[in-house]
Every structure is written in C-alpha cells, then in structure tokens.
Amino acid sequence: MQLALETSTWDLHLDKTGNIATLSDAVALLSQRIQCRLQTFRGECFLDRSIGVPYYSEVMKKNPDLGRIRSLLASVIAGVDGVMKVLSLDLLFTASTRTLSVRFRVQGASGEIAEGAV
C-alpha cells in the first residue's frame, strides 16, 4: 500500500470522505513511483544519498547533452521497483526557458503498461 499524491502539488490526496487516499491500482502506483524518482535530486534523500537524478552534475549545465540525459533518465527509471522495461522516453528541452519535460512509458513486472510525465 502506498499513499496517493496529488500530481500538481505532490501533497497527500484525500478521498471523498476526507481520509488519506492510498493507491491500489498497479499502473497508477508504478507511474507515481517513477514521477517521484524523477523529481528527486541525487543526494536529497537523507536515508539513501544515491537515490535520484544527478541534476546538478549532469543535467543543469550549459549545452546539455540530451543523449546522455536520456540514457541517464532511462537508467533511473529502470531502477524503480516494479519496472521491467522502459518502452519509450521522450525529452522536450526548451532552451529559451531552460526547461526539460519528460514523458515515459514503461512495462511493469506483471505486464502492465504505465505512463506519465514530469
């Protein structure tokens, strides 16, 4: 059982009765796990400093190498519990605003297909 999070604010999601909601759907759970991992900077989690994406050292630099970033993000996604295979990974880099959008599609360990965006 995992807590459900609001995707816009990443705060706890409350159900219709006001209780903290949980995720029981395998697809939603896998997608949420990947989105959380992609939004975690390496070193941010004090329990395990190796978790997350090395944004400062690899991504947030002048003239980023999108091929290298794609490979890096694919390996981070593949390392998430429940991910069997990364089916697609699309990056959209906007140079003028220096933003990177990521869309992913993965196959879970029990065959389910999960997708999402960060």
PDB file of N, CA and C in Angstrom:
ATOM      1  N   MET A   1       0.848  -1.176   0.000  1.00  0.00           N
ATOM      2  CA  MET A   1       0.000   0.000   0.000  1.00  0.00           C
ATOM      3  C   MET A   1       0.895   1.241   0.000  1.00  0.00           C
ATOM      4  N   GLN A   2       0.572   2.196  -0.841  1.00  0.00           N
ATOM      5  CA  GLN A   2       1.313   3.443  -0.913  1.00  0.00           C
ATOM      6  C   GLN A   2       0.329   4.595  -0.911  1.00  0.00           C
ATOM      7  N   LEU A   3       0.721   5.698  -0.296  1.00  0.00           N
ATOM      8  CA  LEU A   3      -0.132   6.874  -0.238  1.00  0.00           C
ATOM      9  C   LEU A   3      -0.283   7.490  -1.614  1.00  0.00           C
ATOM     10  N   ALA A   4      -1.488   7.948  -1.914  1.00  0.00           N
ATOM     11  CA  ALA A   4      -1.747   8.627  -3.186  1.00  0.00           C
ATOM     12  C   ALA A   4      -1.363  10.093  -3.039  1.00  0.00           C
ATOM     13  N   LEU A   5      -0.699  10.625  -4.056  1.00  0.00           N
ATOM     14  CA  LEU A   5      -0.266  12.018  -4.044  1.00  0.00           C
ATOM     15  C   LEU A   5      -0.964  12.789  -5.152  1.00  0.00           C
ATOM     16  N   GLU A   6      -1.254  14.065  -4.896  1.00  0.00           N
ATOM     17  CA  GLU A   6      -1.781  14.960  -5.923  1.00  0.00           C
ATOM     18  C   GLU A   6      -0.652  15.242  -6.900  1.00  0.00           C
ATOM     19  N   THR A   7      -0.879  15.064  -8.174  1.00  0.00           N
ATOM     20  CA  THR A   7       0.206  15.227  -9.142  1.00  0.00           C
ATOM     21  C   THR A   7       0.583  16.685  -9.383  1.00  0.00           C
ATOM     22  N   SER A   8      -0.266  17.622  -9.047  1.00  0.00           N
ATOM     23  CA  SER A   8       0.077  19.032  -9.273  1.00  0.00           C
ATOM     24  C   SER A   8       0.886  19.609  -8.117  1.00  0.00           C
ATOM     25  N   THR A   9       0.607  19.170  -6.889  1.00  0.00           N
ATOM     26  CA  THR A   9       1.287  19.729  -5.717  1.00  0.00           C
ATOM     27  C   THR A   9       2.170  18.720  -4.997  1.00  0.00           C
ATOM     28  N   TRP A  10       1.997  17.439  -5.274  1.00  0.00           N
ATOM     29  CA  TRP A  10       2.691  16.339  -4.612  1.00  0.00           C
ATOM     30  C   TRP A  10       2.402  16.292  -3.112  1.00  0.00           C
ATOM     31  N   ASP A  11       1.233  16.806  -2.718  1.00  0.00           N
ATOM     32  CA  ASP A  11       0.752  16.672  -1.349  1.00  0.00           C
ATOM     33  C   ASP A  11      -0.113  15.423  -1.269  1.00  0.00           C
ATOM     34  N   LEU A  12      -0.440  15.009  -0.054  1.00  0.00           N
ATOM     35  CA  LEU A  12      -1.307  13.850   0.130  1.00  0.00           C
ATOM     36  C   LEU A  12      -2.665  14.103  -0.522  1.00  0.00           C
ATOM     37  N   HIS A  13      -3.221  13.069  -1.107  1.00  0.00           N
ATOM     38  CA  HIS A  13      -4.531  13.137  -1.738  1.00  0.00           C
ATOM     39  C   HIS A  13      -5.567  12.627  -0.730  1.00  0.00           C
ATOM     40  N   LEU A  14      -6.650  13.355  -0.589  1.00  0.00           N
ATOM     41  CA  LEU A  14      -7.722  12.939   0.313  1.00  0.00           C
ATOM     42  C   LEU A  14      -8.871  12.371  -0.505  1.00  0.00           C
ATOM     43  N   ASP A  15      -9.484  11.294   0.000  1.00  0.00           N
ATOM     44  CA  ASP A  15     -10.621  10.710  -0.710  1.00  0.00           C
ATOM     45  C   ASP A  15     -11.884  11.530  -0.422  1.00  0.00           C
ATOM     46  N   LYS A  16     -13.032  11.065  -0.902  1.00  0.00           N
ATOM     47  CA  LYS A  16     -14.292  11.809  -0.778  1.00  0.00           C
ATOM     48  C   LYS A  16     -14.725  12.005   0.664  1.00  0.00           C
ATOM     49  N   THR A  17     -14.290  11.118   1.554  1.00  0.00           N
ATOM     50  CA  THR A  17     -14.678  11.224   2.967  1.00  0.00           C
ATOM     51  C   THR A  17     -13.668  12.007   3.798  1.00  0.00           C
ATOM     52  N   GLY A  18     -12.595  12.477   3.163  1.00  0.00           N
ATOM     53  CA  GLY A  18     -11.593  13.259   3.869  1.00  0.00           C
ATOM     54  C   GLY A  18     -10.451  12.448   4.443  1.00  0.00           C
ATOM     55  N   ASN A  19     -10.435  11.164   4.166  1.00  0.00           N
ATOM     56  CA  ASN A  19      -9.344  10.317   4.634  1.00  0.00           C
ATOM     57  C   ASN A  19      -8.185  10.335   3.638  1.00  0.00           C
ATOM     58  N   ILE A  20      -6.999  10.039   4.124  1.00  0.00           N
ATOM     59  CA  ILE A  20      -5.836   9.966   3.245  1.00  0.00           C
ATOM     60  C   ILE A  20      -6.020   8.786   2.298  1.00  0.00           C
ATOM     61  N   ALA A  21      -5.917   9.053   1.013  1.00  0.00           N
ATOM     62  CA  ALA A  21      -6.134   8.020  -0.005  1.00  0.00           C
ATOM     63  C   ALA A  21      -4.860   7.202  -0.224  1.00  0.00           C
ATOM     64  N   THR A  22      -5.057   5.955  -0.620  1.00  0.00           N
ATOM     65  CA  THR A  22      -3.947   5.083  -0.975  1.00  0.00           C
ATOM     66  C   THR A  22      -4.133   4.603  -2.403  1.00  0.00           C
ATOM     67  N   LEU A  23      -3.061   4.114  -2.987  1.00  0.00           N
ATOM     68  CA  LEU A  23      -3.108   3.595  -4.344  1.00  0.00           C
ATOM     69  C   LEU A  23      -3.177   2.076  -4.301  1.00  0.00           C
ATOM     70  N   SER A  24      -4.157   1.525  -4.964  1.00  0.00           N
ATOM     71  CA  SER A  24      -4.244   0.074  -5.079  1.00  0.00           C
ATOM     72  C   SER A  24      -4.080  -0.368  -6.532  1.00  0.00           C
ATOM     73  N   ASP A  25      -4.181   0.582  -7.452  1.00  0.00           N
ATOM     74  CA  ASP A  25      -4.026   0.312  -8.881  1.00  0.00           C
ATOM     75  C   ASP A  25      -2.535   0.221  -9.210  1.00  0.00           C
ATOM     76  N   ALA A  26      -2.095  -0.899  -9.748  1.00  0.00           N
ATOM     77  CA  ALA A  26      -0.678  -1.131 -10.040  1.00  0.00           C
ATOM     78  C   ALA A  26      -0.117  -0.129 -11.040  1.00  0.00           C
ATOM     79  N   VAL A  27      -0.910   0.266 -12.014  1.00  0.00           N
ATOM     80  CA  VAL A  27      -0.444   1.202 -13.038  1.00  0.00           C
ATOM     81  C   VAL A  27      -0.212   2.583 -12.419  1.00  0.00           C
ATOM     82  N   ALA A  28      -1.169   3.071 -11.641  1.00  0.00           N
ATOM     83  CA  ALA A  28      -1.033   4.381 -11.002  1.00  0.00           C
ATOM     84  C   ALA A  28       0.116   4.387 -10.003  1.00  0.00           C
ATOM     85  N   LEU A  29       0.285   3.291  -9.293  1.00  0.00           N
ATOM     86  CA  LEU A  29       1.360   3.175  -8.314  1.00  0.00           C
ATOM     87  C   LEU A  29       2.730   3.240  -8.997  1.00  0.00           C
ATOM     88  N   LEU A  30       2.890   2.503 -10.075  1.00  0.00           N
ATOM     89  CA  LEU A  30       4.158   2.491 -10.799  1.00  0.00           C
ATOM     90  C   LEU A  30       4.465   3.867 -11.395  1.00  0.00           C
ATOM     91  N   SER A  31       3.463   4.496 -11.980  1.00  0.00           N
ATOM     92  CA  SER A  31       3.644   5.824 -12.561  1.00  0.00           C
ATOM     93  C   SER A  31       4.045   6.827 -11.478  1.00  0.00           C
ATOM     94  N   GLN A  32       3.395   6.777 -10.324  1.00  0.00           N
ATOM     95  CA  GLN A  32       3.716   7.700  -9.231  1.00  0.00           C
ATOM     96  C   GLN A  32       5.132   7.469  -8.716  1.00  0.00           C
ATOM     97  N   ARG A  33       5.534   6.226  -8.598  1.00  0.00           N
ATOM     98  CA  ARG A  33       6.898   5.925  -8.144  1.00  0.00           C
ATOM     99  C   ARG A  33       7.948   6.518  -9.084  1.00  0.00           C
ATOM    100  N   ILE A  34       7.708   6.383 -10.388  1.00  0.00           N
ATOM    101  CA  ILE A  34       8.654   6.907 -11.379  1.00  0.00           C
ATOM    102  C   ILE A  34       8.682   8.430 -11.325  1.00  0.00           C
ATOM    103  N   GLN A  35       7.527   9.055 -11.266  1.00  0.00           N
ATOM    104  CA  GLN A  35       7.468  10.509 -11.213  1.00  0.00           C
ATOM    105  C   GLN A  35       8.179  11.037  -9.967  1.00  0.00           C
ATOM    106  N   CYS A  36       7.996  10.392  -8.841  1.00  0.00           N
ATOM    107  CA  CYS A  36       8.679  10.813  -7.612  1.00  0.00           C
ATOM    108  C   CYS A  36      10.188  10.666  -7.757  1.00  0.00           C
ATOM    109  N   ARG A  37      10.630   9.562  -8.339  1.00  0.00           N
ATOM    110  CA  ARG A  37      12.068   9.342  -8.510  1.00  0.00           C
ATOM    111  C   ARG A  37      12.678  10.380  -9.443  1.00  0.00           C
ATOM    112  N   LEU A  38      11.954  10.720 -10.533  1.00  0.00           N
ATOM    113  CA  LEU A  38      12.470  11.709 -11.475  1.00  0.00           C
ATOM    114  C   LEU A  38      12.505  13.113 -10.886  1.00  0.00           C
ATOM    115  N   GLN A  39      11.720  13.370  -9.870  1.00  0.00           N
ATOM    116  CA  GLN A  39      11.706  14.694  -9.253  1.00  0.00           C
ATOM    117  C   GLN A  39      12.628  14.778  -8.038  1.00  0.00           C
ATOM    118  N   THR A  40      13.352  13.711  -7.776  1.00  0.00           N
ATOM    119  CA  THR A  40      14.275  13.690  -6.643  1.00  0.00           C
ATOM    120  C   THR A  40      15.689  13.954  -7.135  1.00  0.00           C
ATOM    121  N   PHE A  41      16.330  14.952  -6.556  1.00  0.00           N
ATOM    122  CA  PHE A  41      17.719  15.256  -6.883  1.00  0.00           C
ATOM    123  C   PHE A  41      18.610  14.270  -6.135  1.00  0.00           C
ATOM    124  N   ARG A  42      19.652  13.775  -6.800  1.00  0.00           N
ATOM    125  CA  ARG A  42      20.587  12.863  -6.152  1.00  0.00           C
ATOM    126  C   ARG A  42      21.186  13.556  -4.932  1.00  0.00           C
ATOM    127  N   GLY A  43      21.172  12.829  -3.800  1.00  0.00           N
ATOM    128  CA  GLY A  43      21.699  13.364  -2.550  1.00  0.00           C
ATOM    129  C   GLY A  43      20.642  14.017  -1.683  1.00  0.00           C
ATOM    130  N   GLU A  44      19.442  14.211  -2.213  1.00  0.00           N
ATOM    131  CA  GLU A  44      18.372  14.892  -1.483  1.00  0.00           C
ATOM    132  C   GLU A  44      17.787  14.021  -0.367  1.00  0.00           C
ATOM    133  N   CYS A  45      17.685  12.741  -0.603  1.00  0.00           N
ATOM    134  CA  CYS A  45      17.084  11.829   0.373  1.00  0.00           C
ATOM    135  C   CYS A  45      18.145  11.451   1.410  1.00  0.00           C
ATOM    136  N   PHE A  46      17.936  11.846   2.661  1.00  0.00           N
ATOM    137  CA  PHE A  46      18.954  11.610   3.678  1.00  0.00           C
ATOM    138  C   PHE A  46      19.096  10.134   4.051  1.00  0.00           C
ATOM    139  N   LEU A  47      18.100   9.321   3.744  1.00  0.00           N
ATOM    140  CA  LEU A  47      18.178   7.892   4.064  1.00  0.00           C
ATOM    141  C   LEU A  47      19.040   7.123   3.068  1.00  0.00           C
ATOM    142  N   ASP A  48      19.090   7.598   1.828  1.00  0.00           N
ATOM    143  CA  ASP A  48      19.913   6.969   0.795  1.00  0.00           C
ATOM    144  C   ASP A  48      20.322   8.040  -0.209  1.00  0.00           C
ATOM    145  N   ARG A  49      21.529   8.541  -0.083  1.00  0.00           N
ATOM    146  CA  ARG A  49      22.014   9.642  -0.916  1.00  0.00           C
ATOM    147  C   ARG A  49      22.204   9.250  -2.384  1.00  0.00           C
ATOM    148  N   SER A  50      22.150   7.948  -2.694  1.00  0.00           N
ATOM    149  CA  SER A  50      22.337   7.512  -4.081  1.00  0.00           C
ATOM    150  C   SER A  50      21.047   7.560  -4.891  1.00  0.00           C
ATOM    151  N   ILE A  51      19.911   7.759  -4.230  1.00  0.00           N
ATOM    152  CA  ILE A  51      18.617   7.809  -4.917  1.00  0.00           C
ATOM    153  C   ILE A  51      18.465   9.157  -5.629  1.00  0.00           C
ATOM    154  N   GLY A  52      17.883   9.130  -6.807  1.00  0.00           N
ATOM    155  CA  GLY A  52      17.569  10.355  -7.516  1.00  0.00           C
ATOM    156  C   GLY A  52      18.396  10.557  -8.769  1.00  0.00           C
ATOM    157  N   VAL A  53      18.199  11.687  -9.366  1.00  0.00           N
ATOM    158  CA  VAL A  53      18.839  12.046 -10.629  1.00  0.00           C
ATOM    159  C   VAL A  53      19.953  13.056 -10.334  1.00  0.00           C
ATOM    160  N   PRO A  54      21.131  12.878 -10.910  1.00  0.00           N
ATOM    161  CA  PRO A  54      22.218  13.842 -10.693  1.00  0.00           C
ATOM    162  C   PRO A  54      22.002  15.113 -11.529  1.00  0.00           C
ATOM    163  N   TYR A  55      20.963  15.849 -11.183  1.00  0.00           N
ATOM    164  CA  TYR A  55      20.624  17.044 -11.950  1.00  0.00           C
ATOM    165  C   TYR A  55      21.748  18.080 -11.929  1.00  0.00           C
ATOM    166  N   TYR A  56      22.325  18.341 -10.763  1.00  0.00           N
ATOM    167  CA  TYR A  56      23.353  19.387 -10.670  1.00  0.00           C
ATOM    168  C   TYR A  56      24.594  19.054 -11.493  1.00  0.00           C
ATOM    169  N   SER A  57      25.027  17.803 -11.467  1.00  0.00           N
ATOM    170  CA  SER A  57      26.274  17.460 -12.150  1.00  0.00           C
ATOM    171  C   SER A  57      26.099  17.076 -13.618  1.00  0.00           C
ATOM    172  N   GLU A  58      24.934  16.579 -14.007  1.00  0.00           N
ATOM    173  CA  GLU A  58      24.764  16.057 -15.366  1.00  0.00           C
ATOM    174  C   GLU A  58      23.743  16.795 -16.228  1.00  0.00           C
ATOM    175  N   VAL A  59      22.709  17.370 -15.611  1.00  0.00           N
ATOM    176  CA  VAL A  59      21.600  17.904 -16.402  1.00  0.00           C
ATOM    177  C   VAL A  59      21.626  19.426 -16.463  1.00  0.00           C
ATOM    178  N   MET A  60      21.787  20.071 -15.329  1.00  0.00           N
ATOM    179  CA  MET A  60      21.719  21.535 -15.265  1.00  0.00           C
ATOM    180  C   MET A  60      23.074  22.156 -15.567  1.00  0.00           C
ATOM    181  N   LYS A  61      23.431  22.109 -16.824  1.00  0.00           N
ATOM    182  CA  LYS A  61      24.688  22.724 -17.228  1.00  0.00           C
ATOM    183  C   LYS A  61      24.523  23.320 -18.618  1.00  0.00           C
ATOM    184  N   LYS A  62      25.470  24.155 -18.980  1.00  0.00           N
ATOM    185  CA  LYS A  62      25.414  24.812 -20.283  1.00  0.00           C
ATOM    186  C   LYS A  62      25.571  23.767 -21.384  1.00  0.00           C
ATOM    187  N   ASN A  63      24.776  23.899 -22.436  1.00  0.00           N
ATOM    188  CA  ASN A  63      24.777  22.969 -23.570  1.00  0.00           C
ATOM    189  C   ASN A  63      24.634  21.518 -23.120  1.00  0.00           C
ATOM    190  N   PRO A  64      23.497  21.178 -22.516  1.00  0.00           N
ATOM    191  CA  PRO A  64      23.313  19.805 -22.042  1.00  0.00           C
ATOM    192  C   PRO A  64      23.287  18.800 -23.194  1.00  0.00           C
ATOM    193  N   ASP A  65      23.822  17.635 -22.948  1.00  0.00           N
ATOM    194  CA  ASP A  65      23.850  16.550 -23.921  1.00  0.00           C
ATOM    195  C   ASP A  65      22.578  15.725 -23.735  1.00  0.00           C
ATOM    196  N   LEU A  66      21.586  15.933 -24.615  1.00  0.00           N
ATOM    197  CA  LEU A  66      20.295  15.267 -24.458  1.00  0.00           C
ATOM    198  C   LEU A  66      20.398  13.749 -24.578  1.00  0.00           C
ATOM    199  N   GLY A  67      21.326  13.262 -25.380  1.00  0.00           N
ATOM    200  CA  GLY A  67      21.527  11.814 -25.478  1.00  0.00           C
ATOM    201  C   GLY A  67      21.998  11.238 -24.151  1.00  0.00           C
ATOM    202  N   ARG A  68      22.929  11.921 -23.524  1.00  0.00           N
ATOM    203  CA  ARG A  68      23.428  11.495 -22.206  1.00  0.00           C
ATOM    204  C   ARG A  68      22.325  11.591 -21.154  1.00  0.00           C
ATOM    205  N   ILE A  69      21.536  12.649 -21.202  1.00  0.00           N
ATOM    206  CA  ILE A  69      20.444  12.815 -20.239  1.00  0.00           C
ATOM    207  C   ILE A  69      19.396  11.733 -20.438  1.00  0.00           C
ATOM    208  N   ARG A  70      19.074  11.420 -21.689  1.00  0.00           N
ATOM    209  CA  ARG A  70      18.102  10.360 -21.979  1.00  0.00           C
ATOM    210  C   ARG A  70      18.578   9.021 -21.398  1.00  0.00           C
ATOM    211  N   SER A  71      19.839   8.706 -21.612  1.00  0.00           N
ATOM    212  CA  SER A  71      20.410   7.473 -21.089  1.00  0.00           C
ATOM    213  C   SER A  71      20.377   7.450 -19.562  1.00  0.00           C
ATOM    214  N   LEU A  72      20.709   8.573 -18.962  1.00  0.00           N
ATOM    215  CA  LEU A  72      20.719   8.698 -17.508  1.00  0.00           C
ATOM    216  C   LEU A  72      19.315   8.510 -16.928  1.00  0.00           C
ATOM    217  N   LEU A  73      18.330   9.190 -17.519  1.00  0.00           N
ATOM    218  CA  LEU A  73      16.956   9.077 -17.024  1.00  0.00           C
ATOM    219  C   LEU A  73      16.388   7.682 -17.253  1.00  0.00           C
ATOM    220  N   ALA A  74      16.734   7.061 -18.364  1.00  0.00           N
ATOM    221  CA  ALA A  74      16.281   5.694 -18.629  1.00  0.00           C
ATOM    222  C   ALA A  74      16.808   4.737 -17.571  1.00  0.00           C
ATOM    223  N   SER A  75      18.050   4.914 -17.154  1.00  0.00           N
ATOM    224  CA  SER A  75      18.613   4.032 -16.123  1.00  0.00           C
ATOM    225  C   SER A  75      17.982   4.305 -14.761  1.00  0.00           C
ATOM    226  N   VAL A  76      17.653   5.561 -14.474  1.00  0.00           N
ATOM    227  CA  VAL A  76      16.963   5.881 -13.218  1.00  0.00           C
ATOM    228  C   VAL A  76      15.578   5.239 -13.206  1.00  0.00           C
ATOM    229  N   ILE A  77      14.850   5.358 -14.314  1.00  0.00           N
ATOM    230  CA  ILE A  77      13.511   4.766 -14.408  1.00  0.00           C
ATOM    231  C   ILE A  77      13.593   3.250 -14.306  1.00  0.00           C
ATOM    232  N   ALA A  78      14.548   2.645 -14.991  1.00  0.00           N
ATOM    233  CA  ALA A  78      14.694   1.182 -14.959  1.00  0.00           C
ATOM    234  C   ALA A  78      15.001   0.691 -13.544  1.00  0.00           C
ATOM    235  N   GLY A  79      15.572   1.534 -12.702  1.00  0.00           N
ATOM    236  CA  GLY A  79      15.909   1.153 -11.336  1.00  0.00           C
ATOM    237  C   GLY A  79      14.766   1.265 -10.346  1.00  0.00           C
ATOM    238  N   VAL A  80      13.626   1.763 -10.784  1.00  0.00           N
ATOM    239  CA  VAL A  80      12.469   1.892  -9.898  1.00  0.00           C
ATOM    240  C   VAL A  80      11.841   0.512  -9.681  1.00  0.00           C
ATOM    241  N   ASP A  81      11.504   0.200  -8.433  1.00  0.00           N
ATOM    242  CA  ASP A  81      10.872  -1.085  -8.122  1.00  0.00           C
ATOM    243  C   ASP A  81       9.612  -1.278  -8.959  1.00  0.00           C
ATOM    244  N   GLY A  82       9.510  -2.420  -9.602  1.00  0.00           N
ATOM    245  CA  GLY A  82       8.339  -2.752 -10.395  1.00  0.00           C
ATOM    246  C   GLY A  82       8.482  -2.493 -11.873  1.00  0.00           C
ATOM    247  N   VAL A  83       9.551  -1.824 -12.299  1.00  0.00           N
ATOM    248  CA  VAL A  83       9.756  -1.555 -13.724  1.00  0.00           C
ATOM    249  C   VAL A  83      10.511  -2.716 -14.348  1.00  0.00           C
ATOM    250  N   MET A  84       9.913  -3.308 -15.372  1.00  0.00           N
ATOM    251  CA  MET A  84      10.542  -4.397 -16.095  1.00  0.00           C
ATOM    252  C   MET A  84      11.323  -3.882 -17.304  1.00  0.00           C
ATOM    253  N   LYS A  85      10.714  -2.892 -18.025  1.00  0.00           N
ATOM    254  CA  LYS A  85      11.328  -2.415 -19.257  1.00  0.00           C
ATOM    255  C   LYS A  85      10.850  -0.996 -19.563  1.00  0.00           C
ATOM    256  N   VAL A  86      11.754  -0.133 -19.981  1.00  0.00           N
ATOM    257  CA  VAL A  86      11.397   1.212 -20.431  1.00  0.00           C
ATOM    258  C   VAL A  86      11.030   1.109 -21.900  1.00  0.00           C
ATOM    259  N   LEU A  87       9.770   1.374 -22.227  1.00  0.00           N
ATOM    260  CA  LEU A  87       9.286   1.247 -23.604  1.00  0.00           C
ATOM    261  C   LEU A  87       9.564   2.502 -24.423  1.00  0.00           C
ATOM    262  N   SER A  88       9.363   3.672 -23.828  1.00  0.00           N
ATOM    263  CA  SER A  88       9.667   4.914 -24.527  1.00  0.00           C
ATOM    264  C   SER A  88      10.004   5.996 -23.514  1.00  0.00           C
ATOM    265  N   LEU A  89      10.834   6.925 -23.966  1.00  0.00           N
ATOM    266  CA  LEU A  89      11.253   8.038 -23.121  1.00  0.00           C
ATOM    267  C   LEU A  89      11.450   9.238 -24.044  1.00  0.00           C
ATOM    268  N   ASP A  90      10.595  10.244 -23.899  1.00  0.00           N
ATOM    269  CA  ASP A  90      10.652  11.432 -24.749  1.00  0.00           C
ATOM    270  C   ASP A  90      11.072  12.627 -23.911  1.00  0.00           C
ATOM    271  N   LEU A  91      12.062  13.350 -24.409  1.00  0.00           N
ATOM    272  CA  LEU A  91      12.538  14.554 -23.743  1.00  0.00           C
ATOM    273  C   LEU A  91      12.213  15.761 -24.605  1.00  0.00           C
ATOM    274  N   LEU A  92      11.740  16.823 -23.959  1.00  0.00           N
ATOM    275  CA  LEU A  92      11.492  18.071 -24.655  1.00  0.00           C
ATOM    276  C   LEU A  92      12.240  19.168 -23.910  1.00  0.00           C
ATOM    277  N   PHE A  93      13.343  19.629 -24.513  1.00  0.00           N
ATOM    278  CA  PHE A  93      14.154  20.684 -23.910  1.00  0.00           C
ATOM    279  C   PHE A  93      13.842  21.997 -24.597  1.00  0.00           C
ATOM    280  N   THR A  94      13.469  23.003 -23.806  1.00  0.00           N
ATOM    281  CA  THR A  94      13.205  24.339 -24.325  1.00  0.00           C
ATOM    282  C   THR A  94      14.347  25.229 -23.878  1.00  0.00           C
ATOM    283  N   ALA A  95      15.203  25.595 -24.816  1.00  0.00           N
ATOM    284  CA  ALA A  95      16.411  26.349 -24.495  1.00  0.00           C
ATOM    285  C   ALA A  95      16.110  27.737 -23.944  1.00  0.00           C
ATOM    286  N   SER A  96      15.076  28.399 -24.474  1.00  0.00           N
ATOM    287  CA  SER A  96      14.797  29.775 -24.050  1.00  0.00           C
ATOM    288  C   SER A  96      14.399  29.863 -22.578  1.00  0.00           C
ATOM    289  N   THR A  97      13.704  28.854 -22.084  1.00  0.00           N
ATOM    290  CA  THR A  97      13.300  28.854 -20.670  1.00  0.00           C
ATOM    291  C   THR A  97      14.122  27.868 -19.845  1.00  0.00           C
ATOM    292  N   ARG A  98      15.004  27.126 -20.507  1.00  0.00           N
ATOM    293  CA  ARG A  98      15.857  26.119 -19.860  1.00  0.00           C
ATOM    294  C   ARG A  98      15.018  25.134 -19.040  1.00  0.00           C
ATOM    295  N   THR A  99      13.970  24.614 -19.680  1.00  0.00           N
ATOM    296  CA  THR A  99      13.122  23.613 -19.032  1.00  0.00           C
ATOM    297  C   THR A  99      13.215  22.297 -19.792  1.00  0.00           C
ATOM    298  N   LEU A 100      13.077  21.219 -19.038  1.00  0.00           N
ATOM    299  CA  LEU A 100      13.105  19.882 -19.608  1.00  0.00           C
ATOM    300  C   LEU A 100      11.852  19.149 -19.177  1.00  0.00           C
ATOM    301  N   SER A 101      11.086  18.697 -20.146  1.00  0.00           N
ATOM    302  CA  SER A 101       9.894  17.892 -19.875  1.00  0.00           C
ATOM    303  C   SER A 101      10.192  16.452 -20.267  1.00  0.00           C
ATOM    304  N   VAL A 102       9.716  15.522 -19.455  1.00  0.00           N
ATOM    305  CA  VAL A 102       9.991  14.101 -19.683  1.00  0.00           C
ATOM    306  C   VAL A 102       8.676  13.346 -19.739  1.00  0.00           C
ATOM    307  N   ARG A 103       8.491  12.566 -20.790  1.00  0.00           N
ATOM    308  CA  ARG A 103       7.342  11.654 -20.903  1.00  0.00           C
ATOM    309  C   ARG A 103       7.900  10.243 -20.976  1.00  0.00           C
ATOM    310  N   PHE A 104       7.298   9.343 -20.207  1.00  0.00           N
ATOM    311  CA  PHE A 104       7.794   7.974 -20.183  1.00  0.00           C
ATOM    312  C   PHE A 104       6.647   6.982 -20.335  1.00  0.00           C
ATOM    313  N   ARG A 105       7.017   5.810 -20.795  1.00  0.00           N
ATOM    314  CA  ARG A 105       6.091   4.678 -20.920  1.00  0.00           C
ATOM    315  C   ARG A 105       6.898   3.437 -20.571  1.00  0.00           C
ATOM    316  N   VAL A 106       6.421   2.675 -19.577  1.00  0.00           N
ATOM    317  CA  VAL A 106       7.166   1.508 -19.104  1.00  0.00           C
ATOM    318  C   VAL A 106       6.251   0.294 -18.998  1.00  0.00           C
ATOM    319  N   GLN A 107       6.902  -0.866 -18.980  1.00  0.00           N
ATOM    320  CA  GLN A 107       6.192  -2.109 -18.726  1.00  0.00           C
ATOM    321  C   GLN A 107       6.541  -2.542 -17.312  1.00  0.00           C
ATOM    322  N   GLY A 108       5.506  -2.835 -16.532  1.00  0.00           N
ATOM    323  CA  GLY A 108       5.710  -3.264 -15.166  1.00  0.00           C
ATOM    324  C   GLY A 108       6.049  -4.748 -15.082  1.00  0.00           C
ATOM    325  N   ALA A 109       6.442  -5.180 -13.903  1.00  0.00           N
ATOM    326  CA  ALA A 109       6.862  -6.563 -13.686  1.00  0.00           C
ATOM    327  C   ALA A 109       5.746  -7.564 -13.976  1.00  0.00           C
ATOM    328  N   SER A 110       4.496  -7.164 -13.804  1.00  0.00           N
ATOM    329  CA  SER A 110       3.405  -8.088 -14.085  1.00  0.00           C
ATOM    330  C   SER A 110       2.738  -7.813 -15.436  1.00  0.00           C
ATOM    331  N   GLY A 111       3.445  -7.060 -16.315  1.00  0.00           N
ATOM    332  CA  GLY A 111       2.969  -6.860 -17.673  1.00  0.00           C
ATOM    333  C   GLY A 111       2.176  -5.600 -17.909  1.00  0.00           C
ATOM    334  N   GLU A 112       1.808  -4.867 -16.857  1.00  0.00           N
ATOM    335  CA  GLU A 112       1.025  -3.653 -17.027  1.00  0.00           C
ATOM    336  C   GLU A 112       1.866  -2.562 -17.684  1.00  0.00           C
ATOM    337  N   ILE A 113       1.191  -1.671 -18.396  1.00  0.00           N
ATOM    338  CA  ILE A 113       1.862  -0.543 -19.060  1.00  0.00           C
ATOM    339  C   ILE A 113       1.494   0.724 -18.293  1.00  0.00           C
ATOM    340  N   ALA A 114       2.518   1.431 -17.845  1.00  0.00           N
ATOM    341  CA  ALA A 114       2.311   2.680 -17.117  1.00  0.00           C
ATOM    342  C   ALA A 114       2.999   3.798 -17.874  1.00  0.00           C
ATOM    343  N   GLU A 115       2.388   4.986 -17.825  1.00  0.00           N
ATOM    344  CA  GLU A 115       2.975   6.145 -18.469  1.00  0.00           C
ATOM    345  C   GLU A 115       2.733   7.372 -17.632  1.00  0.00           C
ATOM    346  N   GLY A 116       3.524   8.396 -17.893  1.00  0.00           N
ATOM    347  CA  GLY A 116       3.383   9.629 -17.143  1.00  0.00           C
ATOM    348  C   GLY A 116       4.337  10.666 -17.673  1.00  0.00           C
ATOM    349  N   ALA A 117       4.308  11.823 -17.027  1.00  0.00           N
ATOM    350  CA  ALA A 117       5.147  12.947 -17.456  1.00  0.00           C
ATOM    351  C   ALA A 117       5.592  13.742 -16.244  1.00  0.00           C
ATOM    352  N   VAL A 118       6.754  14.342 -16.401  1.00  0.00           N
ATOM    353  CA  VAL A 118       7.298  15.224 -15.362  1.00  0.00           C
ATOM    354  C   VAL A 118       7.800  16.465 -16.066  1.00  0.00           C
TER     355      VAL A 118
END
